Amino acid sequence: MNVNFGAYYAEIMNYFQHNVYIAVALAGVLLLLMVRKPRLFFTIVMIVAVNISLLYVISYTSSLGVSQKKNLIQ
């Protein structure tokens, strides 16, 4: 069970390409936060970065466990 980050990225890009108004609004809010409240902006960026890294570590360790389990069964 390996998480495919490329598929997630493609899905997110596809969503924003089909919903341009939402993409522009989100970019505007993030830009406004970066200018007006940079501490809050970087806090949000750090929370997102930590969540992505934790998801990657969990995915990596679970894929190692699955491959070891397949080796043990064989």
PDB file of N, CA and C in Angstrom:
ATOM      1  N   MET A   1       0.845  -1.178   0.000  1.00  0.00           N
ATOM      2  CA  MET A   1       0.000   0.000   0.000  1.00  0.00           C
ATOM      3  C   MET A   1       0.886   1.234   0.000  1.00  0.00           C
ATOM      4  N   ASN A   2       1.185   1.714  -1.161  1.00  0.00           N
ATOM      5  CA  ASN A   2       2.068   2.856  -1.321  1.00  0.00           C
ATOM      6  C   ASN A   2       1.247   4.059  -1.777  1.00  0.00           C
ATOM      7  N   VAL A   3       1.452   5.199  -1.143  1.00  0.00           N
ATOM      8  CA  VAL A   3       0.730   6.413  -1.514  1.00  0.00           C
ATOM      9  C   VAL A   3       1.442   7.033  -2.711  1.00  0.00           C
ATOM     10  N   ASN A   4       0.690   7.310  -3.749  1.00  0.00           N
ATOM     11  CA  ASN A   4       1.240   7.876  -4.964  1.00  0.00           C
ATOM     12  C   ASN A   4       1.062   9.393  -4.933  1.00  0.00           C
ATOM     13  N   PHE A   5       2.137  10.100  -4.573  1.00  0.00           N
ATOM     14  CA  PHE A   5       2.051  11.554  -4.453  1.00  0.00           C
ATOM     15  C   PHE A   5       1.889  12.220  -5.810  1.00  0.00           C
ATOM     16  N   GLY A   6       2.386  11.590  -6.861  1.00  0.00           N
ATOM     17  CA  GLY A   6       2.214  12.143  -8.205  1.00  0.00           C
ATOM     18  C   GLY A   6       0.748  12.205  -8.605  1.00  0.00           C
ATOM     19  N   ALA A   7      -0.011  11.178  -8.216  1.00  0.00           N
ATOM     20  CA  ALA A   7      -1.443  11.156  -8.527  1.00  0.00           C
ATOM     21  C   ALA A   7      -2.177  12.229  -7.730  1.00  0.00           C
ATOM     22  N   TYR A   8      -1.798  12.406  -6.461  1.00  0.00           N
ATOM     23  CA  TYR A   8      -2.422  13.467  -5.665  1.00  0.00           C
ATOM     24  C   TYR A   8      -2.130  14.834  -6.270  1.00  0.00           C
ATOM     25  N   TYR A   9      -0.879  15.047  -6.662  1.00  0.00           N
ATOM     26  CA  TYR A   9      -0.496  16.327  -7.247  1.00  0.00           C
ATOM     27  C   TYR A   9      -1.276  16.583  -8.542  1.00  0.00           C
ATOM     28  N   ALA A  10      -1.373  15.554  -9.390  1.00  0.00           N
ATOM     29  CA  ALA A  10      -2.106  15.700 -10.650  1.00  0.00           C
ATOM     30  C   ALA A  10      -3.582  15.981 -10.395  1.00  0.00           C
ATOM     31  N   GLU A  11      -4.154  15.340  -9.380  1.00  0.00           N
ATOM     32  CA  GLU A  11      -5.562  15.565  -9.061  1.00  0.00           C
ATOM     33  C   GLU A  11      -5.796  16.985  -8.561  1.00  0.00           C
ATOM     34  N   ILE A  12      -4.907  17.478  -7.727  1.00  0.00           N
ATOM     35  CA  ILE A  12      -5.033  18.842  -7.204  1.00  0.00           C
ATOM     36  C   ILE A  12      -4.881  19.856  -8.338  1.00  0.00           C
ATOM     37  N   MET A  13      -3.897  19.646  -9.210  1.00  0.00           N
ATOM     38  CA  MET A  13      -3.702  20.560 -10.338  1.00  0.00           C
ATOM     39  C   MET A  13      -4.909  20.526 -11.276  1.00  0.00           C
ATOM     40  N   ASN A  14      -5.467  19.352 -11.499  1.00  0.00           N
ATOM     41  CA  ASN A  14      -6.650  19.230 -12.344  1.00  0.00           C
ATOM     42  C   ASN A  14      -7.831  19.991 -11.728  1.00  0.00           C
ATOM     43  N   TYR A  15      -7.984  19.888 -10.416  1.00  0.00           N
ATOM     44  CA  TYR A  15      -9.069  20.604  -9.733  1.00  0.00           C
ATOM     45  C   TYR A  15      -8.924  22.116  -9.908  1.00  0.00           C
ATOM     46  N   PHE A  16      -7.710  22.620  -9.687  1.00  0.00           N
ATOM     47  CA  PHE A  16      -7.507  24.066  -9.793  1.00  0.00           C
ATOM     48  C   PHE A  16      -7.585  24.550 -11.234  1.00  0.00           C
ATOM     49  N   GLN A  17      -7.248  23.707 -12.205  1.00  0.00           N
ATOM     50  CA  GLN A  17      -7.379  24.109 -13.596  1.00  0.00           C
ATOM     51  C   GLN A  17      -8.846  24.205 -14.011  1.00  0.00           C
ATOM     52  N   HIS A  18      -9.685  23.368 -13.420  1.00  0.00           N
ATOM     53  CA  HIS A  18     -11.106  23.410 -13.763  1.00  0.00           C
ATOM     54  C   HIS A  18     -11.891  24.417 -12.910  1.00  0.00           C
ATOM     55  N   ASN A  19     -11.315  24.843 -11.798  1.00  0.00           N
ATOM     56  CA  ASN A  19     -11.968  25.814 -10.913  1.00  0.00           C
ATOM     57  C   ASN A  19     -11.036  27.012 -10.722  1.00  0.00           C
ATOM     58  N   VAL A  20     -10.960  27.827 -11.749  1.00  0.00           N
ATOM     59  CA  VAL A  20     -10.012  28.936 -11.765  1.00  0.00           C
ATOM     60  C   VAL A  20     -10.349  29.976 -10.696  1.00  0.00           C
ATOM     61  N   TYR A  21     -11.634  30.219 -10.476  1.00  0.00           N
ATOM     62  CA  TYR A  21     -12.016  31.231  -9.483  1.00  0.00           C
ATOM     63  C   TYR A  21     -11.589  30.833  -8.077  1.00  0.00           C
ATOM     64  N   ILE A  22     -11.713  29.567  -7.759  1.00  0.00           N
ATOM     65  CA  ILE A  22     -11.280  29.084  -6.443  1.00  0.00           C
ATOM     66  C   ILE A  22      -9.766  29.189  -6.313  1.00  0.00           C
ATOM     67  N   ALA A  23      -9.047  28.869  -7.383  1.00  0.00           N
ATOM     68  CA  ALA A  23      -7.579  28.965  -7.360  1.00  0.00           C
ATOM     69  C   ALA A  23      -7.133  30.410  -7.162  1.00  0.00           C
ATOM     70  N   VAL A  24      -7.778  31.334  -7.853  1.00  0.00           N
ATOM     71  CA  VAL A  24      -7.416  32.753  -7.724  1.00  0.00           C
ATOM     72  C   VAL A  24      -7.753  33.250  -6.317  1.00  0.00           C
ATOM     73  N   ALA A  25      -8.897  32.848  -5.782  1.00  0.00           N
ATOM     74  CA  ALA A  25      -9.278  33.271  -4.432  1.00  0.00           C
ATOM     75  C   ALA A  25      -8.311  32.718  -3.393  1.00  0.00           C
ATOM     76  N   LEU A  26      -7.930  31.454  -3.529  1.00  0.00           N
ATOM     77  CA  LEU A  26      -6.985  30.851  -2.587  1.00  0.00           C
ATOM     78  C   LEU A  26      -5.625  31.523  -2.673  1.00  0.00           C
ATOM     79  N   ALA A  27      -5.170  31.806  -3.887  1.00  0.00           N
ATOM     80  CA  ALA A  27      -3.893  32.502  -4.062  1.00  0.00           C
ATOM     81  C   ALA A  27      -3.964  33.914  -3.473  1.00  0.00           C
ATOM     82  N   GLY A  28      -5.093  34.576  -3.645  1.00  0.00           N
ATOM     83  CA  GLY A  28      -5.257  35.912  -3.074  1.00  0.00           C
ATOM     84  C   GLY A  28      -5.243  35.902  -1.555  1.00  0.00           C
ATOM     85  N   VAL A  29      -5.920  34.918  -0.966  1.00  0.00           N
ATOM     86  CA  VAL A  29      -5.934  34.813   0.501  1.00  0.00           C
ATOM     87  C   VAL A  29      -4.538  34.521   1.024  1.00  0.00           C
ATOM     88  N   LEU A  30      -3.821  33.610   0.356  1.00  0.00           N
ATOM     89  CA  LEU A  30      -2.461  33.294   0.796  1.00  0.00           C
ATOM     90  C   LEU A  30      -1.526  34.491   0.628  1.00  0.00           C
ATOM     91  N   LEU A  31      -1.679  35.220  -0.464  1.00  0.00           N
ATOM     92  CA  LEU A  31      -0.857  36.418  -0.663  1.00  0.00           C
ATOM     93  C   LEU A  31      -1.177  37.484   0.379  1.00  0.00           C
ATOM     94  N   LEU A  32      -2.461  37.656   0.674  1.00  0.00           N
ATOM     95  CA  LEU A  32      -2.864  38.619   1.697  1.00  0.00           C
ATOM     96  C   LEU A  32      -2.312  38.225   3.066  1.00  0.00           C
ATOM     97  N   LEU A  33      -2.380  36.931   3.378  1.00  0.00           N
ATOM     98  CA  LEU A  33      -1.807  36.467   4.639  1.00  0.00           C
ATOM     99  C   LEU A  33      -0.301  36.689   4.682  1.00  0.00           C
ATOM    100  N   MET A  34       0.367  36.457   3.552  1.00  0.00           N
ATOM    101  CA  MET A  34       1.817  36.629   3.529  1.00  0.00           C
ATOM    102  C   MET A  34       2.201  38.088   3.749  1.00  0.00           C
ATOM    103  N   VAL A  35       1.385  39.015   3.231  1.00  0.00           N
ATOM    104  CA  VAL A  35       1.701  40.437   3.368  1.00  0.00           C
ATOM    105  C   VAL A  35       1.265  40.974   4.728  1.00  0.00           C
ATOM    106  N   ARG A  36       0.039  40.646   5.138  1.00  0.00           N
ATOM    107  CA  ARG A  36      -0.513  41.227   6.359  1.00  0.00           C
ATOM    108  C   ARG A  36      -0.081  40.497   7.628  1.00  0.00           C
ATOM    109  N   LYS A  37      -0.097  39.169   7.581  1.00  0.00           N
ATOM    110  CA  LYS A  37       0.224  38.373   8.765  1.00  0.00           C
ATOM    111  C   LYS A  37       1.199  37.261   8.377  1.00  0.00           C
ATOM    112  N   PRO A  38       2.475  37.618   8.202  1.00  0.00           N
ATOM    113  CA  PRO A  38       3.437  36.614   7.744  1.00  0.00           C
ATOM    114  C   PRO A  38       3.637  35.482   8.746  1.00  0.00           C
ATOM    115  N   ARG A  39       3.476  35.780  10.028  1.00  0.00           N
ATOM    116  CA  ARG A  39       3.657  34.728  11.028  1.00  0.00           C
ATOM    117  C   ARG A  39       2.579  33.648  10.875  1.00  0.00           C
ATOM    118  N   LEU A  40       1.345  34.050  10.667  1.00  0.00           N
ATOM    119  CA  LEU A  40       0.259  33.098  10.447  1.00  0.00           C
ATOM    120  C   LEU A  40       0.464  32.327   9.149  1.00  0.00           C
ATOM    121  N   PHE A  41       0.914  33.014   8.104  1.00  0.00           N
ATOM    122  CA  PHE A  41       1.172  32.366   6.825  1.00  0.00           C
ATOM    123  C   PHE A  41       2.222  31.279   6.979  1.00  0.00           C
ATOM    124  N   PHE A  42       3.340  31.593   7.613  1.00  0.00           N
ATOM    125  CA  PHE A  42       4.400  30.601   7.763  1.00  0.00           C
ATOM    126  C   PHE A  42       4.009  29.493   8.737  1.00  0.00           C
ATOM    127  N   THR A  43       3.141  29.803   9.691  1.00  0.00           N
ATOM    128  CA  THR A  43       2.616  28.752  10.570  1.00  0.00           C
ATOM    129  C   THR A  43       1.782  27.762   9.764  1.00  0.00           C
ATOM    130  N   ILE A  44       0.937  28.267   8.889  1.00  0.00           N
ATOM    131  CA  ILE A  44       0.126  27.398   8.034  1.00  0.00           C
ATOM    132  C   ILE A  44       1.025  26.577   7.111  1.00  0.00           C
ATOM    133  N   VAL A  45       2.046  27.213   6.534  1.00  0.00           N
ATOM    134  CA  VAL A  45       2.969  26.498   5.651  1.00  0.00           C
ATOM    135  C   VAL A  45       3.692  25.387   6.418  1.00  0.00           C
ATOM    136  N   MET A  46       4.107  25.664   7.635  1.00  0.00           N
ATOM    137  CA  MET A  46       4.809  24.644   8.428  1.00  0.00           C
ATOM    138  C   MET A  46       3.878  23.491   8.807  1.00  0.00           C
ATOM    139  N   ILE A  47       2.636  23.786   9.144  1.00  0.00           N
ATOM    140  CA  ILE A  47       1.679  22.722   9.475  1.00  0.00           C
ATOM    141  C   ILE A  47       1.448  21.824   8.257  1.00  0.00           C
ATOM    142  N   VAL A  48       1.303  22.434   7.100  1.00  0.00           N
ATOM    143  CA  VAL A  48       1.110  21.648   5.871  1.00  0.00           C
ATOM    144  C   VAL A  48       2.362  20.816   5.573  1.00  0.00           C
ATOM    145  N   ALA A  49       3.539  21.400   5.732  1.00  0.00           N
ATOM    146  CA  ALA A  49       4.782  20.673   5.463  1.00  0.00           C
ATOM    147  C   ALA A  49       4.958  19.496   6.410  1.00  0.00           C
ATOM    148  N   VAL A  50       4.636  19.681   7.687  1.00  0.00           N
ATOM    149  CA  VAL A  50       4.742  18.593   8.662  1.00  0.00           C
ATOM    150  C   VAL A  50       3.755  17.488   8.328  1.00  0.00           C
ATOM    151  N   ASN A  51       2.534  17.844   7.956  1.00  0.00           N
ATOM    152  CA  ASN A  51       1.540  16.829   7.590  1.00  0.00           C
ATOM    153  C   ASN A  51       1.971  16.041   6.364  1.00  0.00           C
ATOM    154  N   ILE A  52       2.520  16.715   5.367  1.00  0.00           N
ATOM    155  CA  ILE A  52       2.978  16.015   4.166  1.00  0.00           C
ATOM    156  C   ILE A  52       4.133  15.085   4.494  1.00  0.00           C
ATOM    157  N   SER A  53       5.064  15.548   5.308  1.00  0.00           N
ATOM    158  CA  SER A  53       6.200  14.690   5.655  1.00  0.00           C
ATOM    159  C   SER A  53       5.762  13.496   6.495  1.00  0.00           C
ATOM    160  N   LEU A  54       4.823  13.689   7.414  1.00  0.00           N
ATOM    161  CA  LEU A  54       4.318  12.555   8.192  1.00  0.00           C
ATOM    162  C   LEU A  54       3.591  11.544   7.313  1.00  0.00           C
ATOM    163  N   LEU A  55       2.815  12.025   6.359  1.00  0.00           N
ATOM    164  CA  LEU A  55       2.131  11.130   5.428  1.00  0.00           C
ATOM    165  C   LEU A  55       3.141  10.337   4.613  1.00  0.00           C
ATOM    166  N   TYR A  56       4.226  10.987   4.197  1.00  0.00           N
ATOM    167  CA  TYR A  56       5.260  10.289   3.438  1.00  0.00           C
ATOM    168  C   TYR A  56       5.940   9.219   4.290  1.00  0.00           C
ATOM    169  N   VAL A  57       6.281   9.545   5.525  1.00  0.00           N
ATOM    170  CA  VAL A  57       6.944   8.573   6.406  1.00  0.00           C
ATOM    171  C   VAL A  57       6.029   7.386   6.683  1.00  0.00           C
ATOM    172  N   ILE A  58       4.767   7.642   6.950  1.00  0.00           N
ATOM    173  CA  ILE A  58       3.816   6.554   7.198  1.00  0.00           C
ATOM    174  C   ILE A  58       3.670   5.683   5.954  1.00  0.00           C
ATOM    175  N   SER A  59       3.578   6.305   4.794  1.00  0.00           N
ATOM    176  CA  SER A  59       3.460   5.553   3.543  1.00  0.00           C
ATOM    177  C   SER A  59       4.706   4.710   3.294  1.00  0.00           C
ATOM    178  N   TYR A  60       5.869   5.284   3.529  1.00  0.00           N
ATOM    179  CA  TYR A  60       7.127   4.571   3.292  1.00  0.00           C
ATOM    180  C   TYR A  60       7.275   3.374   4.223  1.00  0.00           C
ATOM    181  N   THR A  61       6.986   3.576   5.505  1.00  0.00           N
ATOM    182  CA  THR A  61       7.132   2.469   6.453  1.00  0.00           C
ATOM    183  C   THR A  61       6.091   1.386   6.217  1.00  0.00           C
ATOM    184  N   SER A  62       4.899   1.759   5.812  1.00  0.00           N
ATOM    185  CA  SER A  62       3.882   0.735   5.546  1.00  0.00           C
ATOM    186  C   SER A  62       4.236  -0.059   4.296  1.00  0.00           C
ATOM    187  N   SER A  63       4.814   0.594   3.287  1.00  0.00           N
ATOM    188  CA  SER A  63       5.215  -0.144   2.089  1.00  0.00           C
ATOM    189  C   SER A  63       6.372  -1.090   2.395  1.00  0.00           C
ATOM    190  N   LEU A  64       7.265  -0.701   3.302  1.00  0.00           N
ATOM    191  CA  LEU A  64       8.333  -1.618   3.719  1.00  0.00           C
ATOM    192  C   LEU A  64       7.758  -2.821   4.442  1.00  0.00           C
ATOM    193  N   GLY A  65       6.767  -2.595   5.286  1.00  0.00           N
ATOM    194  CA  GLY A  65       6.132  -3.697   6.010  1.00  0.00           C
ATOM    195  C   GLY A  65       5.412  -4.649   5.076  1.00  0.00           C
ATOM    196  N   VAL A  66       4.751  -4.122   4.068  1.00  0.00           N
ATOM    197  CA  VAL A  66       4.038  -4.958   3.105  1.00  0.00           C
ATOM    198  C   VAL A  66       5.033  -5.799   2.303  1.00  0.00           C
ATOM    199  N   SER A  67       6.146  -5.202   1.886  1.00  0.00           N
ATOM    200  CA  SER A  67       7.123  -5.967   1.117  1.00  0.00           C
ATOM    201  C   SER A  67       7.787  -7.041   1.970  1.00  0.00           C
ATOM    202  N   GLN A  68       8.046  -6.754   3.237  1.00  0.00           N
ATOM    203  CA  GLN A  68       8.602  -7.783   4.130  1.00  0.00           C
ATOM    204  C   GLN A  68       7.597  -8.896   4.376  1.00  0.00           C
ATOM    205  N   LYS A  69       6.348  -8.565   4.476  1.00  0.00           N
ATOM    206  CA  LYS A  69       5.313  -9.574   4.676  1.00  0.00           C
ATOM    207  C   LYS A  69       5.209 -10.484   3.451  1.00  0.00           C
ATOM    208  N   LYS A  70       5.317  -9.908   2.252  1.00  0.00           N
ATOM    209  CA  LYS A  70       5.292 -10.715   1.028  1.00  0.00           C
ATOM    210  C   LYS A  70       6.486 -11.645   0.973  1.00  0.00           C
ATOM    211  N   ASN A  71       7.663 -11.147   1.400  1.00  0.00           N
ATOM    212  CA  ASN A  71       8.863 -12.002   1.425  1.00  0.00           C
ATOM    213  C   ASN A  71       8.707 -13.133   2.414  1.00  0.00           C
ATOM    214  N   LEU A  72       8.102 -12.897   3.561  1.00  0.00           N
ATOM    215  CA  LEU A  72       7.900 -13.936   4.562  1.00  0.00           C
ATOM    216  C   LEU A  72       6.905 -14.999   4.077  1.00  0.00           C
ATOM    217  N   ILE A  73       5.883 -14.575   3.375  1.00  0.00           N
ATOM    218  CA  ILE A  73       4.886 -15.513   2.865  1.00  0.00           C
ATOM    219  C   ILE A  73       5.502 -16.420   1.790  1.00  0.00           C
ATOM    220  N   GLN A  74       6.365 -15.855   0.964  1.00  0.00           N
ATOM    221  CA  GLN A  74       6.989 -16.645  -0.097  1.00  0.00           C
ATOM    222  C   GLN A  74       8.035 -17.550   0.496  1.00  0.00           C
TER     223      GLN A  74
END
